[in-house]
PDB file of all heavy atoms in Angstrom:
ATOM      1  N   THR A   1      18.423  -6.513 -13.276  1.00  0.00           N
ATOM      2  CA  THR A   1      19.854  -6.335 -13.039  1.00  0.00           C
ATOM      3  C   THR A   1      20.436  -5.511 -14.177  1.00  0.00           C
ATOM      4  O   THR A   1      20.348  -5.901 -15.345  1.00  0.00           O
ATOM      5  CB  THR A   1      20.575  -7.691 -12.967  1.00  0.00           C
ATOM      6  OG1 THR A   1      19.983  -8.487 -11.931  1.00  0.00           O
ATOM      7  CG2 THR A   1      22.054  -7.485 -12.661  1.00  0.00           C
ATOM      8  N   ILE A   2      21.013  -4.376 -13.826  1.00  0.00           N
ATOM      9  CA  ILE A   2      21.584  -3.475 -14.828  1.00  0.00           C
ATOM     10  C   ILE A   2      23.099  -3.639 -14.774  1.00  0.00           C
ATOM     11  O   ILE A   2      23.752  -3.173 -13.852  1.00  0.00           O
ATOM     12  CB  ILE A   2      21.180  -2.017 -14.556  1.00  0.00           C
ATOM     13  CG1 ILE A   2      19.655  -1.902 -14.519  1.00  0.00           C
ATOM     14  CG2 ILE A   2      21.765  -1.084 -15.612  1.00  0.00           C
ATOM     15  CD1 ILE A   2      19.154  -0.543 -14.065  1.00  0.00           C
ATOM     16  N   ARG A   3      23.638  -4.319 -15.788  1.00  0.00           N
ATOM     17  CA  ARG A   3      25.067  -4.623 -15.810  1.00  0.00           C
ATOM     18  C   ARG A   3      25.815  -3.619 -16.690  1.00  0.00           C
ATOM     19  O   ARG A   3      25.260  -3.069 -17.625  1.00  0.00           O
ATOM     20  CB  ARG A   3      25.303  -6.035 -16.350  1.00  0.00           C
ATOM     21  CG  ARG A   3      24.482  -7.104 -15.625  1.00  0.00           C
ATOM     22  CD  ARG A   3      24.723  -8.483 -16.208  1.00  0.00           C
ATOM     23  NE  ARG A   3      23.717  -9.423 -15.749  1.00  0.00           N
ATOM     24  CZ  ARG A   3      23.751 -10.051 -14.586  1.00  0.00           C
ATOM     25  NH1 ARG A   3      24.771  -9.824 -13.774  1.00  0.00           N
ATOM     26  NH2 ARG A   3      22.793 -10.884 -14.220  1.00  0.00           N
ATOM     27  N   ASP A   4      27.093  -3.440 -16.382  1.00  0.00           N
ATOM     28  CA  ASP A   4      27.957  -2.571 -17.202  1.00  0.00           C
ATOM     29  C   ASP A   4      27.325  -1.207 -17.416  1.00  0.00           C
ATOM     30  O   ASP A   4      27.237  -0.706 -18.537  1.00  0.00           O
ATOM     31  CB  ASP A   4      28.243  -3.224 -18.559  1.00  0.00           C
ATOM     32  CG  ASP A   4      28.879  -4.593 -18.410  1.00  0.00           C
ATOM     33  OD1 ASP A   4      29.725  -4.738 -17.509  1.00  0.00           O
ATOM     34  OD2 ASP A   4      28.538  -5.494 -19.182  1.00  0.00           O
ATOM     35  N   SER A   5      26.855  -0.611 -16.330  1.00  0.00           N
ATOM     36  CA  SER A   5      26.236   0.708 -16.435  1.00  0.00           C
ATOM     37  C   SER A   5      27.300   1.766 -16.684  1.00  0.00           C
ATOM     38  O   SER A   5      28.504   1.488 -16.677  1.00  0.00           O
ATOM     39  CB  SER A   5      25.476   1.035 -15.147  1.00  0.00           C
ATOM     40  OG  SER A   5      26.360   1.152 -14.052  1.00  0.00           O
ATOM     41  N   LYS A   6      26.875   2.981 -16.878  1.00  0.00           N
ATOM     42  CA  LYS A   6      27.803   4.073 -17.181  1.00  0.00           C
ATOM     43  C   LYS A   6      28.816   4.279 -16.057  1.00  0.00           C
ATOM     44  O   LYS A   6      29.960   4.647 -16.303  1.00  0.00           O
ATOM     45  CB  LYS A   6      27.004   5.362 -17.423  1.00  0.00           C
ATOM     46  CG  LYS A   6      27.815   6.514 -17.965  1.00  0.00           C
ATOM     47  CD  LYS A   6      26.915   7.687 -18.293  1.00  0.00           C
ATOM     48  CE  LYS A   6      27.722   8.854 -18.849  1.00  0.00           C
ATOM     49  NZ  LYS A   6      26.849  10.009 -19.179  1.00  0.00           N
ATOM     50  N   SER A   7      28.391   4.031 -14.816  1.00  0.00           N
ATOM     51  CA  SER A   7      29.289   4.206 -13.674  1.00  0.00           C
ATOM     52  C   SER A   7      30.244   3.027 -13.523  1.00  0.00           C
ATOM     53  O   SER A   7      31.164   3.065 -12.705  1.00  0.00           O
ATOM     54  CB  SER A   7      28.476   4.348 -12.379  1.00  0.00           C
ATOM     55  OG  SER A   7      27.790   3.129 -12.079  1.00  0.00           O
ATOM     56  N   GLY A   8      30.019   1.964 -14.297  1.00  0.00           N
ATOM     57  CA  GLY A   8      30.874   0.784 -14.227  1.00  0.00           C
ATOM     58  C   GLY A   8      30.434  -0.223 -13.179  1.00  0.00           C
ATOM     59  O   GLY A   8      31.064  -1.257 -13.010  1.00  0.00           O
ATOM     60  N   LYS A   9      29.359   0.083 -12.461  1.00  0.00           N
ATOM     61  CA  LYS A   9      28.886  -0.807 -11.406  1.00  0.00           C
ATOM     62  C   LYS A   9      27.551  -1.432 -11.788  1.00  0.00           C
ATOM     63  O   LYS A   9      26.751  -0.838 -12.510  1.00  0.00           O
ATOM     64  CB  LYS A   9      28.728  -0.033 -10.095  1.00  0.00           C
ATOM     65  CG  LYS A   9      30.031   0.538  -9.531  1.00  0.00           C
ATOM     66  CD  LYS A   9      29.774   1.291  -8.238  1.00  0.00           C
ATOM     67  CE  LYS A   9      31.072   1.855  -7.664  1.00  0.00           C
ATOM     68  NZ  LYS A   9      30.832   2.610  -6.405  1.00  0.00           N
ATOM     69  N   THR A  10      27.327  -2.625 -11.269  1.00  0.00           N
ATOM     70  CA  THR A  10      26.032  -3.272 -11.445  1.00  0.00           C
ATOM     71  C   THR A  10      25.054  -2.708 -10.418  1.00  0.00           C
ATOM     72  O   THR A  10      25.402  -2.518  -9.259  1.00  0.00           O
ATOM     73  CB  THR A  10      26.154  -4.794 -11.249  1.00  0.00           C
ATOM     74  OG1 THR A  10      27.004  -5.317 -12.274  1.00  0.00           O
ATOM     75  CG2 THR A  10      24.787  -5.474 -11.330  1.00  0.00           C
ATOM     76  N   ARG A  11      23.830  -2.418 -10.867  1.00  0.00           N
ATOM     77  CA  ARG A  11      22.816  -1.949  -9.932  1.00  0.00           C
ATOM     78  C   ARG A  11      21.499  -2.640 -10.271  1.00  0.00           C
ATOM     79  O   ARG A  11      21.421  -3.426 -11.226  1.00  0.00           O
ATOM     80  CB  ARG A  11      22.663  -0.418  -9.991  1.00  0.00           C
ATOM     81  CG  ARG A  11      21.975   0.125 -11.207  1.00  0.00           C
ATOM     82  CD  ARG A  11      21.826   1.644 -11.099  1.00  0.00           C
ATOM     83  NE  ARG A  11      20.883   2.193 -12.050  1.00  0.00           N
ATOM     84  CZ  ARG A  11      21.169   2.465 -13.310  1.00  0.00           C
ATOM     85  NH1 ARG A  11      22.370   2.223 -13.783  1.00  0.00           N
ATOM     86  NH2 ARG A  11      20.241   2.959 -14.123  1.00  0.00           N
ATOM     87  N   TYR A  12      20.475  -2.347  -9.482  1.00  0.00           N
ATOM     88  CA  TYR A  12      19.190  -3.017  -9.661  1.00  0.00           C
ATOM     89  C   TYR A  12      18.077  -1.988  -9.822  1.00  0.00           C
ATOM     90  O   TYR A  12      18.103  -0.912  -9.218  1.00  0.00           O
ATOM     91  CB  TYR A  12      18.886  -3.931  -8.473  1.00  0.00           C
ATOM     92  CG  TYR A  12      19.930  -5.011  -8.306  1.00  0.00           C
ATOM     93  CD1 TYR A  12      21.029  -4.818  -7.464  1.00  0.00           C
ATOM     94  CD2 TYR A  12      19.848  -6.206  -9.014  1.00  0.00           C
ATOM     95  CE1 TYR A  12      22.011  -5.786  -7.325  1.00  0.00           C
ATOM     96  CE2 TYR A  12      20.820  -7.188  -8.877  1.00  0.00           C
ATOM     97  CZ  TYR A  12      21.891  -6.972  -8.039  1.00  0.00           C
ATOM     98  OH  TYR A  12      22.862  -7.927  -7.922  1.00  0.00           O
ATOM     99  N   ALA A  13      17.124  -2.332 -10.662  1.00  0.00           N
ATOM    100  CA  ALA A  13      15.915  -1.542 -10.815  1.00  0.00           C
ATOM    101  C   ALA A  13      14.749  -2.410 -10.355  1.00  0.00           C
ATOM    102  O   ALA A  13      14.834  -3.647 -10.349  1.00  0.00           O
ATOM    103  CB  ALA A  13      15.720  -1.106 -12.264  1.00  0.00           C
ATOM    104  N   TYR A  14      13.654  -1.782  -9.987  1.00  0.00           N
ATOM    105  CA  TYR A  14      12.537  -2.508  -9.386  1.00  0.00           C
ATOM    106  C   TYR A  14      11.256  -2.267 -10.167  1.00  0.00           C
ATOM    107  O   TYR A  14      11.011  -1.177 -10.685  1.00  0.00           O
ATOM    108  CB  TYR A  14      12.390  -2.070  -7.918  1.00  0.00           C
ATOM    109  CG  TYR A  14      13.668  -2.278  -7.148  1.00  0.00           C
ATOM    110  CD1 TYR A  14      14.609  -1.249  -7.024  1.00  0.00           C
ATOM    111  CD2 TYR A  14      13.981  -3.519  -6.604  1.00  0.00           C
ATOM    112  CE1 TYR A  14      15.814  -1.449  -6.357  1.00  0.00           C
ATOM    113  CE2 TYR A  14      15.184  -3.724  -5.934  1.00  0.00           C
ATOM    114  CZ  TYR A  14      16.084  -2.696  -5.814  1.00  0.00           C
ATOM    115  OH  TYR A  14      17.282  -2.900  -5.162  1.00  0.00           O
ATOM    116  N   PHE A  15      10.461  -3.331 -10.251  1.00  0.00           N
ATOM    117  CA  PHE A  15       9.227  -3.274 -11.030  1.00  0.00           C
ATOM    118  C   PHE A  15       8.211  -2.316 -10.420  1.00  0.00           C
ATOM    119  O   PHE A  15       8.124  -2.169  -9.194  1.00  0.00           O
ATOM    120  CB  PHE A  15       8.564  -4.652 -11.088  1.00  0.00           C
ATOM    121  CG  PHE A  15       9.298  -5.673 -11.915  1.00  0.00           C
ATOM    122  CD1 PHE A  15      10.519  -5.392 -12.513  1.00  0.00           C
ATOM    123  CD2 PHE A  15       8.755  -6.936 -12.090  1.00  0.00           C
ATOM    124  CE1 PHE A  15      11.174  -6.335 -13.260  1.00  0.00           C
ATOM    125  CE2 PHE A  15       9.410  -7.895 -12.842  1.00  0.00           C
ATOM    126  CZ  PHE A  15      10.621  -7.597 -13.422  1.00  0.00           C
ATOM    127  N   THR A  16       7.454  -1.702 -11.279  1.00  0.00           N
ATOM    128  CA  THR A  16       6.178  -1.119 -10.885  1.00  0.00           C
ATOM    129  C   THR A  16       5.117  -2.067 -11.438  1.00  0.00           C
ATOM    130  O   THR A  16       5.423  -3.000 -12.188  1.00  0.00           O
ATOM    131  CB  THR A  16       5.997   0.280 -11.471  1.00  0.00           C
ATOM    132  OG1 THR A  16       6.051   0.189 -12.914  1.00  0.00           O
ATOM    133  CG2 THR A  16       7.090   1.239 -10.986  1.00  0.00           C
ATOM    134  N   GLU A  17       3.906  -1.835 -11.091  1.00  0.00           N
ATOM    135  CA  GLU A  17       2.838  -2.697 -11.595  1.00  0.00           C
ATOM    136  C   GLU A  17       2.795  -2.666 -13.112  1.00  0.00           C
ATOM    137  O   GLU A  17       2.596  -3.699 -13.775  1.00  0.00           O
ATOM    138  CB  GLU A  17       1.499  -2.224 -11.014  1.00  0.00           C
ATOM    139  CG  GLU A  17       0.329  -3.139 -11.368  1.00  0.00           C
ATOM    140  CD  GLU A  17      -0.963  -2.706 -10.692  1.00  0.00           C
ATOM    141  OE1 GLU A  17      -0.897  -2.042  -9.642  1.00  0.00           O
ATOM    142  OE2 GLU A  17      -2.039  -3.029 -11.231  1.00  0.00           O
ATOM    143  N   ALA A  18       3.008  -1.466 -13.669  1.00  0.00           N
ATOM    144  CA  ALA A  18       2.946  -1.325 -15.127  1.00  0.00           C
ATOM    145  C   ALA A  18       4.103  -2.043 -15.812  1.00  0.00           C
ATOM    146  O   ALA A  18       3.916  -2.715 -16.831  1.00  0.00           O
ATOM    147  CB  ALA A  18       2.949   0.150 -15.505  1.00  0.00           C
ATOM    148  N   THR A  19       5.328  -1.919 -15.252  1.00  0.00           N
ATOM    149  CA  THR A  19       6.466  -2.568 -15.901  1.00  0.00           C
ATOM    150  C   THR A  19       6.393  -4.080 -15.760  1.00  0.00           C
ATOM    151  O   THR A  19       6.802  -4.817 -16.657  1.00  0.00           O
ATOM    152  CB  THR A  19       7.801  -2.060 -15.315  1.00  0.00           C
ATOM    153  OG1 THR A  19       7.797  -2.230 -13.893  1.00  0.00           O
ATOM    154  CG2 THR A  19       8.017  -0.601 -15.647  1.00  0.00           C
ATOM    155  N   ARG A  20       5.857  -4.547 -14.644  1.00  0.00           N
ATOM    156  CA  ARG A  20       5.714  -5.997 -14.490  1.00  0.00           C
ATOM    157  C   ARG A  20       4.767  -6.549 -15.557  1.00  0.00           C
ATOM    158  O   ARG A  20       5.066  -7.545 -16.233  1.00  0.00           O
ATOM    159  CB  ARG A  20       5.188  -6.346 -13.100  1.00  0.00           C
ATOM    160  CG  ARG A  20       4.985  -7.856 -12.926  1.00  0.00           C
ATOM    161  CD  ARG A  20       4.453  -8.261 -11.570  1.00  0.00           C
ATOM    162  NE  ARG A  20       4.298  -9.700 -11.512  1.00  0.00           N
ATOM    163  CZ  ARG A  20       5.273 -10.565 -11.230  1.00  0.00           C
ATOM    164  NH1 ARG A  20       6.473 -10.104 -10.960  1.00  0.00           N
ATOM    165  NH2 ARG A  20       5.063 -11.861 -11.231  1.00  0.00           N
ATOM    166  N   GLY A  21       3.629  -5.899 -15.717  1.00  0.00           N
ATOM    167  CA  GLY A  21       2.671  -6.363 -16.718  1.00  0.00           C
ATOM    168  C   GLY A  21       3.261  -6.328 -18.116  1.00  0.00           C
ATOM    169  O   GLY A  21       3.044  -7.250 -18.915  1.00  0.00           O
ATOM    170  N   MET A  22       4.019  -5.274 -18.404  1.00  0.00           N
ATOM    171  CA  MET A  22       4.619  -5.143 -19.727  1.00  0.00           C
ATOM    172  C   MET A  22       5.636  -6.261 -19.974  1.00  0.00           C
ATOM    173  O   MET A  22       5.628  -6.903 -21.031  1.00  0.00           O
ATOM    174  CB  MET A  22       5.279  -3.765 -19.860  1.00  0.00           C
ATOM    175  CG  MET A  22       5.990  -3.514 -21.190  1.00  0.00           C
ATOM    176  SD  MET A  22       7.733  -3.996 -21.151  1.00  0.00           S
ATOM    177  CE  MET A  22       8.393  -2.723 -20.069  1.00  0.00           C
ATOM    178  N   LEU A  23       6.511  -6.534 -19.000  1.00  0.00           N
ATOM    179  CA  LEU A  23       7.542  -7.555 -19.175  1.00  0.00           C
ATOM    180  C   LEU A  23       6.930  -8.957 -19.259  1.00  0.00           C
ATOM    181  O   LEU A  23       7.392  -9.803 -20.040  1.00  0.00           O
ATOM    182  CB  LEU A  23       8.547  -7.480 -18.036  1.00  0.00           C
ATOM    183  CG  LEU A  23       9.459  -6.238 -18.056  1.00  0.00           C
ATOM    184  CD1 LEU A  23      10.212  -6.089 -16.742  1.00  0.00           C
ATOM    185  CD2 LEU A  23      10.456  -6.328 -19.219  1.00  0.00           C
ATOM    186  N   GLU A  24       5.902  -9.203 -18.467  1.00  0.00           N
ATOM    187  CA  GLU A  24       5.230 -10.514 -18.525  1.00  0.00           C
ATOM    188  C   GLU A  24       4.603 -10.730 -19.890  1.00  0.00           C
ATOM    189  O   GLU A  24       4.582 -11.852 -20.419  1.00  0.00           O
ATOM    190  CB  GLU A  24       4.166 -10.608 -17.424  1.00  0.00           C
ATOM    191  CG  GLU A  24       4.753 -10.819 -16.035  1.00  0.00           C
ATOM    192  CD  GLU A  24       3.677 -10.918 -14.958  1.00  0.00           C
ATOM    193  OE1 GLU A  24       2.555 -10.392 -15.174  1.00  0.00           O
ATOM    194  OE2 GLU A  24       3.955 -11.516 -13.906  1.00  0.00           O
ATOM    195  N   SER A  25       4.088  -9.661 -20.494  1.00  0.00           N
ATOM    196  CA  SER A  25       3.475  -9.799 -21.812  1.00  0.00           C
ATOM    197  C   SER A  25       4.514 -10.071 -22.895  1.00  0.00           C
ATOM    198  O   SER A  25       4.199 -10.674 -23.931  1.00  0.00           O
ATOM    199  CB  SER A  25       2.688  -8.533 -22.164  1.00  0.00           C
ATOM    200  OG  SER A  25       3.562  -7.438 -22.391  1.00  0.00           O
ATOM    201  N   LEU A  26       5.758  -9.642 -22.661  1.00  0.00           N
ATOM    202  CA  LEU A  26       6.823  -9.848 -23.644  1.00  0.00           C
ATOM    203  C   LEU A  26       7.506 -11.201 -23.487  1.00  0.00           C
ATOM    204  O   LEU A  26       8.047 -11.742 -24.453  1.00  0.00           O
ATOM    205  CB  LEU A  26       7.883  -8.748 -23.524  1.00  0.00           C
ATOM    206  CG  LEU A  26       7.471  -7.319 -23.876  1.00  0.00           C
ATOM    207  CD1 LEU A  26       8.641  -6.363 -23.637  1.00  0.00           C
ATOM    208  CD2 LEU A  26       7.014  -7.227 -25.320  1.00  0.00           C
ATOM    209  N   TYR A  27       7.489 -11.747 -22.265  1.00  0.00           N
ATOM    210  CA  TYR A  27       8.234 -12.973 -22.009  1.00  0.00           C
ATOM    211  C   TYR A  27       7.504 -14.188 -22.581  1.00  0.00           C
ATOM    212  O   TYR A  27       6.325 -14.418 -22.334  1.00  0.00           O
ATOM    213  CB  TYR A  27       8.453 -13.171 -20.516  1.00  0.00           C
ATOM    214  CG  TYR A  27       9.306 -14.380 -20.205  1.00  0.00           C
ATOM    215  CD1 TYR A  27      10.624 -14.446 -20.640  1.00  0.00           C
ATOM    216  CD2 TYR A  27       8.781 -15.464 -19.497  1.00  0.00           C
ATOM    217  CE1 TYR A  27      11.415 -15.545 -20.367  1.00  0.00           C
ATOM    218  CE2 TYR A  27       9.565 -16.575 -19.223  1.00  0.00           C
ATOM    219  CZ  TYR A  27      10.874 -16.609 -19.657  1.00  0.00           C
ATOM    220  OH  TYR A  27      11.651 -17.716 -19.393  1.00  0.00           O
ATOM    221  N   ASN A  28       8.269 -14.963 -23.360  1.00  0.00           N
ATOM    222  CA  ASN A  28       7.685 -16.152 -23.976  1.00  0.00           C
ATOM    223  C   ASN A  28       8.705 -17.288 -23.978  1.00  0.00           C
ATOM    224  O   ASN A  28       8.895 -17.984 -24.960  1.00  0.00           O
ATOM    225  CB  ASN A  28       7.229 -15.831 -25.409  1.00  0.00           C
ATOM    226  CG  ASN A  28       6.407 -16.952 -26.012  1.00  0.00           C
ATOM    227  OD1 ASN A  28       5.714 -17.698 -25.308  1.00  0.00           O
ATOM    228  ND2 ASN A  28       6.464 -17.086 -27.333  1.00  0.00           N
ATOM    229  N   GLY A  29       9.374 -17.444 -22.816  1.00  0.00           N
ATOM    230  CA  GLY A  29      10.342 -18.527 -22.694  1.00  0.00           C
ATOM    231  C   GLY A  29      11.661 -18.276 -23.400  1.00  0.00           C
ATOM    232  O   GLY A  29      12.390 -19.222 -23.718  1.00  0.00           O
ATOM    233  N   GLN A  30      11.994 -17.019 -23.651  1.00  0.00           N
ATOM    234  CA  GLN A  30      13.258 -16.715 -24.323  1.00  0.00           C
ATOM    235  C   GLN A  30      14.449 -17.154 -23.483  1.00  0.00           C
ATOM    236  O   GLN A  30      14.372 -17.222 -22.266  1.00  0.00           O
ATOM    237  CB  GLN A  30      13.376 -15.210 -24.618  1.00  0.00           C
ATOM    238  CG  GLN A  30      12.386 -14.689 -25.644  1.00  0.00           C
ATOM    239  CD  GLN A  30      11.119 -14.150 -25.004  1.00  0.00           C
ATOM    240  OE1 GLN A  30      10.693 -14.642 -23.956  1.00  0.00           O
ATOM    241  NE2 GLN A  30      10.516 -13.150 -25.616  1.00  0.00           N
ATOM    242  N   ALA A  31      15.569 -17.451 -24.159  1.00  0.00           N
ATOM    243  CA  ALA A  31      16.801 -17.850 -23.475  1.00  0.00           C
ATOM    244  C   ALA A  31      17.335 -16.679 -22.660  1.00  0.00           C
ATOM    245  O   ALA A  31      17.105 -15.522 -23.012  1.00  0.00           O
ATOM    246  CB  ALA A  31      17.840 -18.305 -24.496  1.00  0.00           C
TER     247      ALA A  31
END
């Protein structure tokens, strides 16, 4: 979820296989 974008609207971005793997490797139960 991309909030407060330059256009002022919220929009969504979608995972690729590479971005999913990267984000899963970074996630460690953060708030």
